[in-house]
C-alpha atoms as a PDB file:
ATOM      1  CA  MET A   1     -33.543 -41.231  19.616  1.00  0.00           C
ATOM      2  CA  ASN A   2     -34.276 -37.557  19.846  1.00  0.00           C
ATOM      3  CA  LYS A   3     -37.454 -36.041  21.626  1.00  0.00           C
ATOM      4  CA  THR A   4     -38.960 -35.020  18.275  1.00  0.00           C
ATOM      5  CA  LYS A   5     -38.886 -38.472  17.005  1.00  0.00           C
ATOM      6  CA  ASN A   6     -40.462 -39.975  20.233  1.00  0.00           C
ATOM      7  CA  ILE A   7     -43.222 -37.377  20.055  1.00  0.00           C
ATOM      8  CA  LYS A   8     -43.864 -38.273  16.405  1.00  0.00           C
ATOM      9  CA  THR A   9     -43.855 -42.059  17.037  1.00  0.00           C
ATOM     10  CA  ASN A  10     -46.268 -41.694  20.086  1.00  0.00           C
ATOM     11  CA  LYS A  11     -48.582 -39.518  17.977  1.00  0.00           C
ATOM     12  CA  GLU A  12     -48.469 -41.985  15.056  1.00  0.00           C
ATOM     13  CA  GLN A  13     -49.380 -44.891  17.674  1.00  0.00           C
ATOM     14  CA  VAL A  14     -52.265 -42.799  19.050  1.00  0.00           C
ATOM     15  CA  ASP A  15     -53.455 -41.964  15.563  1.00  0.00           C
ATOM     16  CA  LYS A  16     -53.327 -45.645  14.579  1.00  0.00           C
ATOM     17  CA  GLY A  17     -55.240 -46.547  17.766  1.00  0.00           C
ATOM     18  CA  PHE A  18     -57.778 -44.024  17.379  1.00  0.00           C
ATOM     19  CA  ILE A  19     -58.530 -44.905  13.663  1.00  0.00           C
ATOM     20  CA  GLU A  20     -58.604 -48.771  14.680  1.00  0.00           C
ATOM     21  CA  MET A  21     -61.281 -47.843  17.439  1.00  0.00           C
ATOM     22  CA  ALA A  22     -63.263 -45.741  14.957  1.00  0.00           C
ATOM     23  CA  ASP A  23     -63.203 -48.523  12.461  1.00  0.00           C
ATOM     24  CA  VAL A  24     -64.797 -50.915  15.035  1.00  0.00           C
ATOM     25  CA  PHE A  25     -67.821 -48.561  14.928  1.00  0.00           C
ATOM     26  CA  ILE A  26     -67.933 -48.177  11.307  1.00  0.00           C
ATOM     27  CA  VAL A  27     -67.656 -52.057  10.736  1.00  0.00           C
ATOM     28  CA  GLU A  28     -70.657 -52.386  12.999  1.00  0.00           C
ATOM     29  CA  ALA A  29     -72.629 -49.780  11.238  1.00  0.00           C
ATOM     30  CA  ASN A  30     -71.799 -51.370   7.832  1.00  0.00           C
ATOM     31  CA  GLN A  31     -73.002 -54.698   9.131  1.00  0.00           C
ATOM     32  CA  LEU A  32     -76.303 -53.017  10.132  1.00  0.00           C
ATOM     33  CA  CYS A  33     -76.633 -51.781   6.577  1.00  0.00           C
ATOM     34  CA  GLU A  34     -76.191 -55.316   5.306  1.00  0.00           C
ATOM     35  CA  VAL A  35     -79.693 -56.421   5.503  1.00  0.00           C
ATOM     36  CA  LYS A  36     -82.512 -56.480   3.066  1.00  0.00           C
ATOM     37  CA  ASP A  37     -83.876 -52.734   2.567  1.00  0.00           C
ATOM     38  CA  PRO A  38     -81.414 -51.234   4.898  1.00  0.00           C
ATOM     39  CA  ASP A  39     -82.280 -47.884   6.384  1.00  0.00           C
ATOM     40  CA  HIS A  40     -78.886 -46.029   6.047  1.00  0.00           C
ATOM     41  CA  GLN A  41     -80.234 -42.785   7.639  1.00  0.00           C
ATOM     42  CA  LEU A  42     -81.535 -44.709  10.612  1.00  0.00           C
ATOM     43  CA  VAL A  43     -78.144 -46.329  11.184  1.00  0.00           C
ATOM     44  CA  ASN A  44     -76.492 -42.784  10.708  1.00  0.00           C
ATOM     45  CA  ALA A  45     -79.036 -41.303  13.236  1.00  0.00           C
ATOM     46  CA  ALA A  46     -78.395 -44.258  15.813  1.00  0.00           C
ATOM     47  CA  LEU A  47     -74.562 -43.460  15.508  1.00  0.00           C
ATOM     48  CA  LEU A  48     -75.140 -39.816  16.136  1.00  0.00           C
ATOM     49  CA  TYR A  49     -77.420 -40.526  18.918  1.00  0.00           C
ATOM     50  CA  ALA A  50     -74.859 -42.802  20.576  1.00  0.00           C
ATOM     51  CA  SER A  51     -72.215 -40.221  20.076  1.00  0.00           C
ATOM     52  CA  ALA A  52     -74.154 -37.577  21.833  1.00  0.00           C
ATOM     53  CA  ARG A  53     -75.042 -39.805  24.690  1.00  0.00           C
ATOM     54  CA  PHE A  54     -71.417 -40.886  25.171  1.00  0.00           C
ATOM     55  CA  SER A  55     -70.246 -37.346  24.836  1.00  0.00           C
ATOM     56  CA  THR A  56     -72.675 -36.338  27.579  1.00  0.00           C
ATOM     57  CA  PHE A  57     -71.538 -39.202  29.826  1.00  0.00           C
ATOM     58  CA  ILE A  58     -67.885 -38.095  29.309  1.00  0.00           C
ATOM     59  CA  THR A  59     -68.615 -34.561  29.926  1.00  0.00           C
ATOM     60  CA  ALA A  60     -70.712 -35.400  33.231  1.00  0.00           C
ATOM     61  CA  SER A  61     -67.953 -37.847  34.276  1.00  0.00           C
ATOM     62  CA  LEU A  62     -65.213 -35.225  34.071  1.00  0.00           C
ATOM     63  CA  ALA A  63     -67.179 -32.601  35.792  1.00  0.00           C
ATOM     64  CA  GLU A  64     -67.425 -34.331  39.125  1.00  0.00           C
ATOM     65  CA  THR A  65     -70.235 -32.167  40.362  1.00  0.00           C
ATOM     66  CA  LYS A  66     -73.463 -30.875  39.056  1.00  0.00           C
ATOM     67  CA  GLU A  67     -72.454 -27.144  39.390  1.00  0.00           C
ATOM     68  CA  ASN A  68     -69.324 -28.052  37.142  1.00  0.00           C
ATOM     69  CA  TYR A  69     -71.410 -29.929  34.703  1.00  0.00           C
ATOM     70  CA  GLN A  70     -73.910 -27.122  34.371  1.00  0.00           C
ATOM     71  CA  LYS A  71     -71.265 -24.485  34.076  1.00  0.00           C
ATOM     72  CA  ASN A  72     -69.602 -26.651  31.211  1.00  0.00           C
ATOM     73  CA  ILE A  73     -72.466 -27.732  29.197  1.00  0.00           C
ATOM     74  CA  ASP A  74     -72.128 -24.766  26.550  1.00  0.00           C
ATOM     75  CA  SER A  75     -68.529 -25.221  26.129  1.00  0.00           C
ATOM     76  CA  ALA A  76     -68.757 -28.951  25.877  1.00  0.00           C
ATOM     77  CA  VAL A  77     -71.343 -28.680  23.202  1.00  0.00           C
ATOM     78  CA  ASP A  78     -69.271 -26.171  21.358  1.00  0.00           C
ATOM     79  CA  PHE A  79     -66.208 -28.213  21.572  1.00  0.00           C
ATOM     80  CA  TYR A  80     -68.122 -31.435  20.323  1.00  0.00           C
ATOM     81  CA  THR A  81     -69.884 -29.498  17.638  1.00  0.00           C
ATOM     82  CA  LYS A  82     -66.695 -27.823  16.223  1.00  0.00           C
ATOM     83  CA  GLU A  83     -64.798 -31.311  16.354  1.00  0.00           C
ATOM     84  CA  PHE A  84     -67.690 -33.042  14.448  1.00  0.00           C
ATOM     85  CA  ASN A  85     -67.936 -30.273  11.979  1.00  0.00           C
ATOM     86  CA  LYS A  86     -64.096 -30.331  11.198  1.00  0.00           C
ATOM     87  CA  MET A  87     -63.963 -34.201  11.011  1.00  0.00           C
ATOM     88  CA  LEU A  88     -67.125 -34.250   8.519  1.00  0.00           C
ATOM     89  CA  LYS A  89     -65.794 -31.542   6.410  1.00  0.00           C
ATOM     90  CA  GLU A  90     -62.418 -33.467   6.083  1.00  0.00           C
ATOM     91  CA  HIS A  91     -64.240 -36.858   5.161  1.00  0.00           C
ATOM     92  CA  MET A  92     -66.430 -34.985   2.706  1.00  0.00           C
ATOM     93  CA  LYS A  93     -63.462 -33.545   1.112  1.00  0.00           C
ATOM     94  CA  GLN A  94     -61.652 -36.779   0.916  1.00  0.00           C
ATOM     95  CA  TYR A  95     -64.738 -38.711  -0.378  1.00  0.00           C
ATOM     96  CA  LYS A  96     -64.853 -36.606  -3.505  1.00  0.00           C
ATOM     97  CA  VAL A  97     -62.272 -38.943  -5.036  1.00  0.00           C
ATOM     98  CA  VAL A  98     -64.729 -41.867  -5.130  1.00  0.00           C
ATOM     99  CA  PHE A  99     -66.858 -39.955  -7.500  1.00  0.00           C
ATOM    100  CA  ASP A 100     -63.679 -39.405  -9.659  1.00  0.00           C
ATOM    101  CA  LYS A 101     -63.256 -43.050  -9.858  1.00  0.00           C
ATOM    102  CA  LYS A 102     -66.883 -44.088 -10.711  1.00  0.00           C
ATOM    103  CA  PRO A 103     -68.014 -44.483 -14.392  1.00  0.00           C
ATOM    104  CA  SER A 104     -70.201 -41.872 -15.531  1.00  0.00           C
ATOM    105  CA  VAL A 105     -73.926 -42.563 -15.364  1.00  0.00           C
ATOM    106  CA  LYS A 106     -76.184 -40.827 -17.985  1.00  0.00           C
ATOM    107  CA  ARG A 107     -79.827 -40.124 -16.629  1.00  0.00           C
END
């Protein structure tokens, strides 16, 4: 097996694990929306809040010192913001096909 194939296989394994991990959160969010009169925006806001808190925890954990943490805040916020923006745009683009499959509703 050549090195390129090993790299691809490892990336596929990481991607699969990543998607499976994300799906755990999505399943939980969907369950929170399966109540009478669900507040989808509240569930979405809670996910965003949790992500922000966890991202802060990771940034602080990696910084090791208060000085490093303070020095890296802006770059961390920039990183997380760009990653979220990129993922959100990709999912918005992919989700358009759902509307192509729905029957037309006249209003």
